[in-house]
PDB file of N, CA and C in Angstrom:
ATOM      1  N   UNK A   1      36.836  -4.857  54.943  1.00  0.00           N
ATOM      2  CA  UNK A   1      37.578  -5.387  55.993  1.00  0.00           C
ATOM      3  C   UNK A   1      37.731  -6.595  55.734  1.00  0.00           C
ATOM      4  N   UNK A   2      36.785  -7.522  55.111  1.00  0.00           N
ATOM      5  CA  UNK A   2      36.973  -9.055  55.053  1.00  0.00           C
ATOM      6  C   UNK A   2      38.051  -9.388  54.331  1.00  0.00           C
ATOM      7  N   UNK A   3      38.485  -8.904  53.193  1.00  0.00           N
ATOM      8  CA  UNK A   3      39.334  -9.043  52.186  1.00  0.00           C
ATOM      9  C   UNK A   3      40.833  -8.739  52.996  1.00  0.00           C
ATOM     10  N   UNK A   4      40.889  -7.883  53.745  1.00  0.00           N
ATOM     11  CA  UNK A   4      42.264  -7.621  54.693  1.00  0.00           C
ATOM     12  C   UNK A   4      42.249  -8.661  55.656  1.00  0.00           C
ATOM     13  N   UNK A   5      41.264  -9.226  56.128  1.00  0.00           N
ATOM     14  CA  UNK A   5      41.335 -10.287  56.947  1.00  0.00           C
ATOM     15  C   UNK A   5      41.814 -11.934  56.148  1.00  0.00           C
ATOM     16  N   UNK A   6      41.258 -12.057  55.425  1.00  0.00           N
ATOM     17  CA  UNK A   6      41.617 -13.105  54.534  1.00  0.00           C
ATOM     18  C   UNK A   6      43.361 -12.944  54.333  1.00  0.00           C
ATOM     19  N   UNK A   7      43.536 -11.884  53.882  1.00  0.00           N
ATOM     20  CA  UNK A   7      45.169 -11.364  53.520  1.00  0.00           C
ATOM     21  C   UNK A   7      45.834 -11.823  54.392  1.00  0.00           C
ATOM     22  N   UNK A   8      45.469 -10.834  55.681  1.00  0.00           N
ATOM     23  CA  UNK A   8      46.334 -11.046  56.721  1.00  0.00           C
ATOM     24  C   UNK A   8      46.280 -12.462  57.593  1.00  0.00           C
ATOM     25  N   UNK A   9      45.186 -13.567  57.282  1.00  0.00           N
ATOM     26  CA  UNK A   9      45.571 -14.743  57.571  1.00  0.00           C
ATOM     27  C   UNK A   9      46.358 -15.306  56.914  1.00  0.00           C
ATOM     28  N   UNK A  10      46.418 -15.294  55.525  1.00  0.00           N
ATOM     29  CA  UNK A  10      47.372 -15.973  54.589  1.00  0.00           C
ATOM     30  C   UNK A  10      48.690 -15.371  54.961  1.00  0.00           C
ATOM     31  N   UNK A  11      48.808 -14.110  55.080  1.00  0.00           N
ATOM     32  CA  UNK A  11      50.344 -13.873  55.611  1.00  0.00           C
ATOM     33  C   UNK A  11      50.694 -14.040  56.896  1.00  0.00           C
ATOM     34  N   UNK A  12      50.150 -14.233  57.604  1.00  0.00           N
ATOM     35  CA  UNK A  12      50.566 -15.145  59.215  1.00  0.00           C
ATOM     36  C   UNK A  12      50.724 -16.657  59.045  1.00  0.00           C
ATOM     37  N   UNK A  13      49.726 -17.469  58.113  1.00  0.00           N
ATOM     38  CA  UNK A  13      50.388 -18.750  57.784  1.00  0.00           C
ATOM     39  C   UNK A  13      51.622 -18.840  57.292  1.00  0.00           C
ATOM     40  N   UNK A  14      51.687 -17.897  56.188  1.00  0.00           N
ATOM     41  CA  UNK A  14      53.083 -17.954  55.495  1.00  0.00           C
ATOM     42  C   UNK A  14      54.075 -17.635  56.280  1.00  0.00           C
ATOM     43  N   UNK A  15      54.278 -16.519  56.969  1.00  0.00           N
ATOM     44  CA  UNK A  15      55.480 -16.024  57.645  1.00  0.00           C
ATOM     45  C   UNK A  15      55.619 -16.901  58.593  1.00  0.00           C
ATOM     46  N   UNK A  16      54.492 -17.686  59.149  1.00  0.00           N
ATOM     47  CA  UNK A  16      55.002 -18.424  60.531  1.00  0.00           C
ATOM     48  C   UNK A  16      54.855 -20.096  60.308  1.00  0.00           C
ATOM     49  N   UNK A  17      54.917 -20.046  58.948  1.00  0.00           N
ATOM     50  CA  UNK A  17      54.967 -21.866  58.409  1.00  0.00           C
ATOM     51  C   UNK A  17      53.623 -22.364  59.188  1.00  0.00           C
ATOM     52  N   UNK A  18      52.722 -22.231  58.914  1.00  0.00           N
ATOM     53  CA  UNK A  18      51.571 -22.678  59.811  1.00  0.00           C
ATOM     54  C   UNK A  18      50.913 -24.094  59.065  1.00  0.00           C
ATOM     55  N   UNK A  19      51.741 -24.910  58.607  1.00  0.00           N
ATOM     56  CA  UNK A  19      51.554 -26.104  57.387  1.00  0.00           C
ATOM     57  C   UNK A  19      50.242 -26.672  58.081  1.00  0.00           C
ATOM     58  N   UNK A  20      49.407 -26.379  56.696  1.00  0.00           N
ATOM     59  CA  UNK A  20      48.043 -27.143  57.033  1.00  0.00           C
ATOM     60  C   UNK A  20      46.940 -26.691  57.419  1.00  0.00           C
ATOM     61  N   UNK A  21      47.568 -25.289  57.652  1.00  0.00           N
ATOM     62  CA  UNK A  21      46.365 -24.198  57.775  1.00  0.00           C
ATOM     63  C   UNK A  21      45.655 -23.611  56.860  1.00  0.00           C
ATOM     64  N   UNK A  22      44.272 -23.039  57.058  1.00  0.00           N
ATOM     65  CA  UNK A  22      44.021 -22.283  55.663  1.00  0.00           C
ATOM     66  C   UNK A  22      43.391 -20.747  56.539  1.00  0.00           C
ATOM     67  N   UNK A  23      43.371 -19.769  55.881  1.00  0.00           N
ATOM     68  CA  UNK A  23      42.804 -18.873  56.388  1.00  0.00           C
ATOM     69  C   UNK A  23      41.545 -19.163  57.126  1.00  0.00           C
ATOM     70  N   UNK A  24      40.349 -20.063  56.571  1.00  0.00           N
ATOM     71  CA  UNK A  24      39.338 -20.182  57.289  1.00  0.00           C
ATOM     72  C   UNK A  24      39.268 -20.970  58.552  1.00  0.00           C
ATOM     73  N   UNK A  25      40.321 -21.480  58.849  1.00  0.00           N
ATOM     74  CA  UNK A  25      40.819 -22.334  60.096  1.00  0.00           C
ATOM     75  C   UNK A  25      41.121 -21.337  61.359  1.00  0.00           C
ATOM     76  N   UNK A  26      41.275 -19.863  61.096  1.00  0.00           N
ATOM     77  CA  UNK A  26      41.509 -18.785  61.932  1.00  0.00           C
ATOM     78  C   UNK A  26      40.049 -18.080  62.325  1.00  0.00           C
ATOM     79  N   UNK A  27      39.742 -17.863  63.479  1.00  0.00           N
ATOM     80  CA  UNK A  27      38.809 -17.539  63.929  1.00  0.00           C
ATOM     81  C   UNK A  27      39.232 -15.891  64.038  1.00  0.00           C
ATOM     82  N   UNK A  28      38.259 -15.023  63.313  1.00  0.00           N
ATOM     83  CA  UNK A  28      38.879 -13.383  63.857  1.00  0.00           C
ATOM     84  C   UNK A  28      38.975 -12.980  65.124  1.00  0.00           C
ATOM     85  N   UNK A  29      38.083 -13.670  65.944  1.00  0.00           N
ATOM     86  CA  UNK A  29      38.166 -13.236  67.438  1.00  0.00           C
ATOM     87  C   UNK A  29      38.881 -14.076  68.293  1.00  0.00           C
ATOM     88  N   UNK A  30      39.611 -15.317  67.869  1.00  0.00           N
ATOM     89  CA  UNK A  30      40.105 -15.892  68.868  1.00  0.00           C
ATOM     90  C   UNK A  30      41.479 -15.419  68.850  1.00  0.00           C
ATOM     91  N   UNK A  31      42.358 -15.501  70.229  1.00  0.00           N
ATOM     92  CA  UNK A  31      43.332 -14.948  70.583  1.00  0.00           C
ATOM     93  C   UNK A  31      44.579 -15.838  69.828  1.00  0.00           C
ATOM     94  N   UNK A  32      45.726 -14.843  69.306  1.00  0.00           N
ATOM     95  CA  UNK A  32      46.346 -15.626  68.709  1.00  0.00           C
ATOM     96  C   UNK A  32      47.593 -16.070  69.395  1.00  0.00           C
ATOM     97  N   UNK A  33      47.479 -15.716  70.677  1.00  0.00           N
ATOM     98  CA  UNK A  33      48.948 -16.277  71.899  1.00  0.00           C
ATOM     99  C   UNK A  33      48.201 -16.961  72.745  1.00  0.00           C
ATOM    100  N   UNK A  34      48.921 -17.947  73.437  1.00  0.00           N
ATOM    101  CA  UNK A  34      48.379 -18.990  74.505  1.00  0.00           C
ATOM    102  C   UNK A  34      47.747 -20.126  73.807  1.00  0.00           C
ATOM    103  N   UNK A  35      47.348 -21.072  74.938  1.00  0.00           N
ATOM    104  CA  UNK A  35      46.484 -22.307  74.723  1.00  0.00           C
ATOM    105  C   UNK A  35      45.499 -21.961  74.073  1.00  0.00           C
ATOM    106  N   UNK A  36      44.413 -20.880  74.216  1.00  0.00           N
ATOM    107  CA  UNK A  36      43.206 -20.888  73.476  1.00  0.00           C
ATOM    108  C   UNK A  36      43.083 -20.571  72.358  1.00  0.00           C
ATOM    109  N   UNK A  37      44.291 -20.145  71.758  1.00  0.00           N
ATOM    110  CA  UNK A  37      44.247 -19.426  70.016  1.00  0.00           C
ATOM    111  C   UNK A  37      45.073 -20.397  69.204  1.00  0.00           C
ATOM    112  N   UNK A  38      45.804 -19.494  68.652  1.00  0.00           N
ATOM    113  CA  UNK A  38      46.715 -20.542  67.917  1.00  0.00           C
ATOM    114  C   UNK A  38      48.071 -20.751  68.230  1.00  0.00           C
ATOM    115  N   UNK A  39      48.223 -20.329  69.481  1.00  0.00           N
ATOM    116  CA  UNK A  39      49.120 -21.168  70.363  1.00  0.00           C
ATOM    117  C   UNK A  39      50.528 -20.290  70.301  1.00  0.00           C
ATOM    118  N   UNK A  40      50.674 -19.205  69.647  1.00  0.00           N
ATOM    119  CA  UNK A  40      51.682 -18.521  69.247  1.00  0.00           C
ATOM    120  C   UNK A  40      52.641 -18.068  70.485  1.00  0.00           C
ATOM    121  N   UNK A  41      53.596 -17.935  70.026  1.00  0.00           N
ATOM    122  CA  UNK A  41      54.988 -17.264  71.247  1.00  0.00           C
ATOM    123  C   UNK A  41      55.344 -16.467  71.009  1.00  0.00           C
ATOM    124  N   UNK A  42      56.408 -15.473  71.728  1.00  0.00           N
ATOM    125  CA  UNK A  42      57.044 -14.353  71.778  1.00  0.00           C
ATOM    126  C   UNK A  42      57.898 -14.434  70.564  1.00  0.00           C
ATOM    127  N   UNK A  43      58.617 -15.583  69.980  1.00  0.00           N
ATOM    128  CA  UNK A  43      59.059 -15.440  68.928  1.00  0.00           C
ATOM    129  C   UNK A  43      58.412 -15.244  67.396  1.00  0.00           C
ATOM    130  N   UNK A  44      57.295 -15.767  67.328  1.00  0.00           N
ATOM    131  CA  UNK A  44      56.184 -15.349  66.563  1.00  0.00           C
ATOM    132  C   UNK A  44      55.610 -14.151  66.686  1.00  0.00           C
ATOM    133  N   UNK A  45      55.671 -13.288  67.966  1.00  0.00           N
ATOM    134  CA  UNK A  45      54.989 -11.739  68.126  1.00  0.00           C
ATOM    135  C   UNK A  45      56.038 -11.130  67.232  1.00  0.00           C
ATOM    136  N   UNK A  46      57.338 -11.348  67.440  1.00  0.00           N
ATOM    137  CA  UNK A  46      58.208 -10.656  66.643  1.00  0.00           C
ATOM    138  C   UNK A  46      58.350 -10.618  65.150  1.00  0.00           C
ATOM    139  N   UNK A  47      57.809 -12.100  64.704  1.00  0.00           N
ATOM    140  CA  UNK A  47      57.543 -12.164  63.071  1.00  0.00           C
ATOM    141  C   UNK A  47      56.266 -11.412  62.694  1.00  0.00           C
ATOM    142  N   UNK A  48      55.279 -11.409  63.516  1.00  0.00           N
ATOM    143  CA  UNK A  48      53.802 -10.618  63.309  1.00  0.00           C
ATOM    144  C   UNK A  48      54.364  -8.813  63.076  1.00  0.00           C
ATOM    145  N   UNK A  49      55.327  -8.381  64.109  1.00  0.00           N
ATOM    146  CA  UNK A  49      55.870  -7.264  63.771  1.00  0.00           C
ATOM    147  C   UNK A  49      56.565  -7.145  62.622  1.00  0.00           C
ATOM    148  N   UNK A  50      57.423  -7.705  62.136  1.00  0.00           N
ATOM    149  CA  UNK A  50      57.910  -7.587  61.079  1.00  0.00           C
ATOM    150  C   UNK A  50      57.010  -7.772  59.723  1.00  0.00           C
ATOM    151  N   UNK A  51      55.576  -8.558  59.790  1.00  0.00           N
ATOM    152  CA  UNK A  51      55.014  -8.636  58.624  1.00  0.00           C
ATOM    153  C   UNK A  51      54.203  -7.145  58.792  1.00  0.00           C
ATOM    154  N   UNK A  52      53.697  -6.658  60.044  1.00  0.00           N
ATOM    155  CA  UNK A  52      52.858  -5.637  59.825  1.00  0.00           C
ATOM    156  C   UNK A  52      54.070  -4.637  59.225  1.00  0.00           C
ATOM    157  N   UNK A  53      55.368  -4.376  59.622  1.00  0.00           N
ATOM    158  CA  UNK A  53      56.466  -3.273  59.167  1.00  0.00           C
ATOM    159  C   UNK A  53      56.600  -3.562  57.734  1.00  0.00           C
ATOM    160  N   UNK A  54      56.792  -4.619  56.872  1.00  0.00           N
ATOM    161  CA  UNK A  54      56.973  -5.195  55.719  1.00  0.00           C
ATOM    162  C   UNK A  54      55.929  -4.591  54.908  1.00  0.00           C
ATOM    163  N   UNK A  55      54.677  -5.235  55.133  1.00  0.00           N
ATOM    164  CA  UNK A  55      53.508  -5.313  54.357  1.00  0.00           C
ATOM    165  C   UNK A  55      52.426  -4.065  54.476  1.00  0.00           C
ATOM    166  N   UNK A  56      52.291  -3.209  55.659  1.00  0.00           N
ATOM    167  CA  UNK A  56      51.840  -2.477  55.746  1.00  0.00           C
ATOM    168  C   UNK A  56      52.630  -0.825  56.187  1.00  0.00           C
ATOM    169  N   UNK A  57      53.727  -1.078  56.373  1.00  0.00           N
ATOM    170  CA  UNK A  57      54.325   0.096  56.711  1.00  0.00           C
ATOM    171  C   UNK A  57      54.224   0.521  58.348  1.00  0.00           C
ATOM    172  N   UNK A  58      53.621  -0.587  58.951  1.00  0.00           N
ATOM    173  CA  UNK A  58      53.466   0.007  60.915  1.00  0.00           C
ATOM    174  C   UNK A  58      54.579  -0.617  61.248  1.00  0.00           C
ATOM    175  N   UNK A  59      54.961   0.324  62.324  1.00  0.00           N
ATOM    176  CA  UNK A  59      55.974  -0.150  63.120  1.00  0.00           C
ATOM    177  C   UNK A  59      55.803  -0.187  64.642  1.00  0.00           C
ATOM    178  N   UNK A  60      55.302  -1.197  65.511  1.00  0.00           N
ATOM    179  CA  UNK A  60      55.123  -1.335  66.638  1.00  0.00           C
ATOM    180  C   UNK A  60      56.446  -1.113  67.181  1.00  0.00           C
ATOM    181  N   UNK A  61      56.429  -0.062  68.498  1.00  0.00           N
ATOM    182  CA  UNK A  61      57.353   0.339  69.395  1.00  0.00           C
ATOM    183  C   UNK A  61      57.047   0.166  70.776  1.00  0.00           C
ATOM    184  N   UNK A  62      55.996  -0.030  71.132  1.00  0.00           N
ATOM    185  CA  UNK A  62      55.191   0.081  72.694  1.00  0.00           C
ATOM    186  C   UNK A  62      54.742  -1.305  72.798  1.00  0.00           C
ATOM    187  N   UNK A  63      55.471  -1.841  73.746  1.00  0.00           N
ATOM    188  CA  UNK A  63      54.851  -3.605  73.924  1.00  0.00           C
ATOM    189  C   UNK A  63      53.620  -3.527  74.248  1.00  0.00           C
ATOM    190  N   UNK A  64      53.173  -2.627  75.218  1.00  0.00           N
ATOM    191  CA  UNK A  64      51.684  -2.823  75.436  1.00  0.00           C
ATOM    192  C   UNK A  64      50.771  -2.671  74.620  1.00  0.00           C
ATOM    193  N   UNK A  65      51.047  -1.531  73.595  1.00  0.00           N
ATOM    194  CA  UNK A  65      50.365  -1.331  72.239  1.00  0.00           C
ATOM    195  C   UNK A  65      50.283  -2.635  71.413  1.00  0.00           C
ATOM    196  N   UNK A  66      51.494  -3.231  71.089  1.00  0.00           N
ATOM    197  CA  UNK A  66      51.804  -4.398  70.595  1.00  0.00           C
ATOM    198  C   UNK A  66      50.645  -5.478  70.861  1.00  0.00           C
ATOM    199  N   UNK A  67      50.993  -5.548  72.206  1.00  0.00           N
ATOM    200  CA  UNK A  67      49.769  -6.847  72.959  1.00  0.00           C
ATOM    201  C   UNK A  67      48.603  -6.510  72.595  1.00  0.00           C
ATOM    202  N   UNK A  68      47.993  -5.288  72.518  1.00  0.00           N
ATOM    203  CA  UNK A  68      46.711  -5.249  72.133  1.00  0.00           C
ATOM    204  C   UNK A  68      46.533  -5.114  70.690  1.00  0.00           C
ATOM    205  N   UNK A  69      47.219  -4.725  69.543  1.00  0.00           N
ATOM    206  CA  UNK A  69      47.144  -4.846  68.484  1.00  0.00           C
ATOM    207  C   UNK A  69      47.351  -6.569  67.917  1.00  0.00           C
ATOM    208  N   UNK A  70      48.073  -7.015  68.286  1.00  0.00           N
ATOM    209  CA  UNK A  70      48.377  -8.533  67.963  1.00  0.00           C
ATOM    210  C   UNK A  70      47.504  -9.314  68.761  1.00  0.00           C
ATOM    211  N   UNK A  71      46.442  -9.028  69.496  1.00  0.00           N
ATOM    212  CA  UNK A  71      45.532 -10.053  70.299  1.00  0.00           C
ATOM    213  C   UNK A  71      44.936 -11.106  69.358  1.00  0.00           C
ATOM    214  N   UNK A  72      44.185 -10.698  68.182  1.00  0.00           N
ATOM    215  CA  UNK A  72      43.664 -11.244  67.186  1.00  0.00           C
ATOM    216  C   UNK A  72      43.398 -10.636  65.593  1.00  0.00           C
ATOM    217  N   UNK A  73      42.917 -11.496  64.861  1.00  0.00           N
ATOM    218  CA  UNK A  73      42.560 -10.921  63.599  1.00  0.00           C
ATOM    219  C   UNK A  73      42.148  -9.682  63.634  1.00  0.00           C
ATOM    220  N   UNK A  74      40.917  -9.667  64.291  1.00  0.00           N
ATOM    221  CA  UNK A  74      40.107  -8.611  64.475  1.00  0.00           C
ATOM    222  C   UNK A  74      40.826  -7.220  64.511  1.00  0.00           C
ATOM    223  N   UNK A  75      41.327  -7.192  65.929  1.00  0.00           N
ATOM    224  CA  UNK A  75      42.542  -6.023  66.416  1.00  0.00           C
ATOM    225  C   UNK A  75      43.539  -5.775  65.271  1.00  0.00           C
ATOM    226  N   UNK A  76      44.037  -7.080  64.791  1.00  0.00           N
ATOM    227  CA  UNK A  76      45.166  -6.422  63.791  1.00  0.00           C
ATOM    228  C   UNK A  76      44.398  -5.777  62.514  1.00  0.00           C
ATOM    229  N   UNK A  77      43.382  -6.312  62.005  1.00  0.00           N
ATOM    230  CA  UNK A  77      42.969  -5.455  60.821  1.00  0.00           C
ATOM    231  C   UNK A  77      42.358  -4.418  61.337  1.00  0.00           C
ATOM    232  N   UNK A  78      41.888  -4.008  62.334  1.00  0.00           N
ATOM    233  CA  UNK A  78      41.441  -2.713  62.896  1.00  0.00           C
ATOM    234  C   UNK A  78      42.608  -1.671  62.435  1.00  0.00           C
ATOM    235  N   UNK A  79      43.773  -2.091  63.269  1.00  0.00           N
ATOM    236  CA  UNK A  79      44.870  -1.077  63.793  1.00  0.00           C
ATOM    237  C   UNK A  79      45.517  -1.085  62.278  1.00  0.00           C
ATOM    238  N   UNK A  80      45.523  -1.955  61.089  1.00  0.00           N
ATOM    239  CA  UNK A  80      46.029  -1.645  60.147  1.00  0.00           C
ATOM    240  C   UNK A  80      45.319  -0.759  59.180  1.00  0.00           C
ATOM    241  N   UNK A  81      43.995  -0.869  59.389  1.00  0.00           N
ATOM    242  CA  UNK A  81      43.130   0.005  58.548  1.00  0.00           C
ATOM    243  C   UNK A  81      43.328   1.471  58.995  1.00  0.00           C
ATOM    244  N   UNK A  82      43.402   1.699  60.171  1.00  0.00           N
ATOM    245  CA  UNK A  82      43.672   3.040  60.685  1.00  0.00           C
ATOM    246  C   UNK A  82      45.031   3.389  60.515  1.00  0.00           C
ATOM    247  N   UNK A  83      46.306   2.752  60.451  1.00  0.00           N
ATOM    248  CA  UNK A  83      47.554   3.365  60.633  1.00  0.00           C
ATOM    249  C   UNK A  83      48.494   2.801  59.161  1.00  0.00           C
ATOM    250  N   UNK A  84      47.740   2.123  58.539  1.00  0.00           N
ATOM    251  CA  UNK A  84      48.812   1.619  57.218  1.00  0.00           C
ATOM    252  C   UNK A  84      49.376   3.014  56.489  1.00  0.00           C
ATOM    253  N   UNK A  85      50.499   2.705  55.998  1.00  0.00           N
ATOM    254  CA  UNK A  85      51.321   3.767  55.582  1.00  0.00           C
ATOM    255  C   UNK A  85      51.134   3.386  54.012  1.00  0.00           C
ATOM    256  N   UNK A  86      50.804   2.321  53.523  1.00  0.00           N
ATOM    257  CA  UNK A  86      50.735   2.290  52.164  1.00  0.00           C
ATOM    258  C   UNK A  86      50.060   1.057  52.109  1.00  0.00           C
TER     259      UNK A  86
END
Protein backbone atom coordinates (compact mmCIF):
# COMPACT_ATOMS: atom_id res chain seq x y z
CA UNK A 1 0.00 0.00 0.00
CA UNK A 2 2.94 2.36 0.59
CA UNK A 3 3.86 2.27 -3.11
CA UNK A 4 0.27 3.17 -3.99
CA UNK A 5 0.34 6.12 -1.58
CA UNK A 6 3.54 7.52 -3.10
CA UNK A 7 2.16 7.03 -6.62
CA UNK A 8 -1.14 8.64 -5.66
CA UNK A 9 0.60 11.63 -4.09
CA UNK A 10 2.66 12.15 -7.25
CA UNK A 11 -0.46 11.85 -9.41
CA UNK A 12 -2.20 14.48 -7.27
CA UNK A 13 0.81 16.80 -7.45
CA UNK A 14 0.91 16.43 -11.24
CA UNK A 15 -2.87 16.67 -11.81
CA UNK A 16 -3.28 19.76 -9.63
CA UNK A 17 0.00 21.34 -10.67
CA UNK A 18 1.19 21.69 -7.07
CA UNK A 19 4.54 23.16 -7.96
CA UNK A 20 7.34 22.74 -5.48
CA UNK A 21 5.63 19.86 -3.66
CA UNK A 22 7.04 16.37 -3.35
CA UNK A 23 5.18 13.21 -2.31
CA UNK A 24 6.95 13.21 1.06
CA UNK A 25 5.50 16.69 1.75
CA UNK A 26 1.97 15.24 1.93
CA UNK A 27 1.00 13.46 5.16
CA UNK A 28 -1.12 10.35 4.61
CA UNK A 29 -3.70 11.35 7.21
CA UNK A 30 -3.75 15.12 6.63
CA UNK A 31 -7.01 16.45 5.18
CA UNK A 32 -6.81 17.26 1.48
CA UNK A 33 -9.44 19.99 1.75
CA UNK A 34 -9.69 23.00 4.02
CA UNK A 35 -7.11 25.09 5.78
CA UNK A 36 -5.70 22.24 7.89
CA UNK A 37 -4.45 20.22 4.93
CA UNK A 38 -3.47 20.88 1.35
CA UNK A 39 -6.15 23.53 1.05
CA UNK A 40 -7.82 21.99 -1.97
CA UNK A 41 -11.23 23.25 -3.13
CA UNK A 42 -14.27 21.92 -4.99
CA UNK A 43 -12.63 22.34 -8.42
CA UNK A 44 -9.73 20.24 -7.17
CA UNK A 45 -12.17 17.55 -6.02
CA UNK A 46 -13.42 17.25 -9.61
CA UNK A 47 -9.83 16.81 -10.78
CA UNK A 48 -9.30 14.09 -8.18
CA UNK A 49 -12.44 12.30 -9.32
CA UNK A 50 -11.17 12.39 -12.91
CA UNK A 51 -7.80 11.06 -11.69
CA UNK A 52 -9.51 8.12 -9.95
CA UNK A 53 -11.54 7.27 -13.01
CA UNK A 54 -8.68 7.62 -15.50
CA UNK A 55 -5.99 5.82 -13.48
CA UNK A 56 -7.99 3.27 -11.49
CA UNK A 57 -11.33 2.83 -13.26
CA UNK A 58 -13.19 4.18 -10.23
CA UNK A 59 -16.19 6.44 -10.78
CA UNK A 60 -17.53 8.29 -7.75
CA UNK A 61 -21.16 9.27 -8.22
CA UNK A 62 -22.36 9.76 -4.63
CA UNK A 63 -21.30 13.09 -3.10
CA UNK A 64 -21.14 11.82 0.49
CA UNK A 65 -19.10 8.81 -0.58
CA UNK A 66 -16.80 11.15 -2.50
CA UNK A 67 -16.22 13.30 0.59
CA UNK A 68 -15.22 10.21 2.57
CA UNK A 69 -12.99 8.79 -0.16
CA UNK A 70 -11.26 12.09 -0.89
CA UNK A 71 -10.69 12.97 2.78
CA UNK A 72 -6.97 12.14 2.75
CA UNK A 73 -4.34 9.96 1.09
CA UNK A 74 -5.04 7.05 3.45
CA UNK A 75 -8.77 6.95 2.64
CA UNK A 76 -8.11 7.30 -1.10
CA UNK A 77 -5.56 4.47 -1.05
CA UNK A 78 -7.86 2.14 0.88
CA UNK A 79 -10.73 2.85 -1.51
CA UNK A 80 -8.52 2.30 -4.56
CA UNK A 81 -7.27 -1.04 -3.24
CA UNK A 82 -10.82 -2.21 -2.55
CA UNK A 83 -12.44 -0.91 -5.76
CA UNK A 84 -9.97 -0.47 -8.60
CA UNK A 85 -11.00 -1.88 -11.95
CA UNK A 86 -7.50 -2.17 -13.45
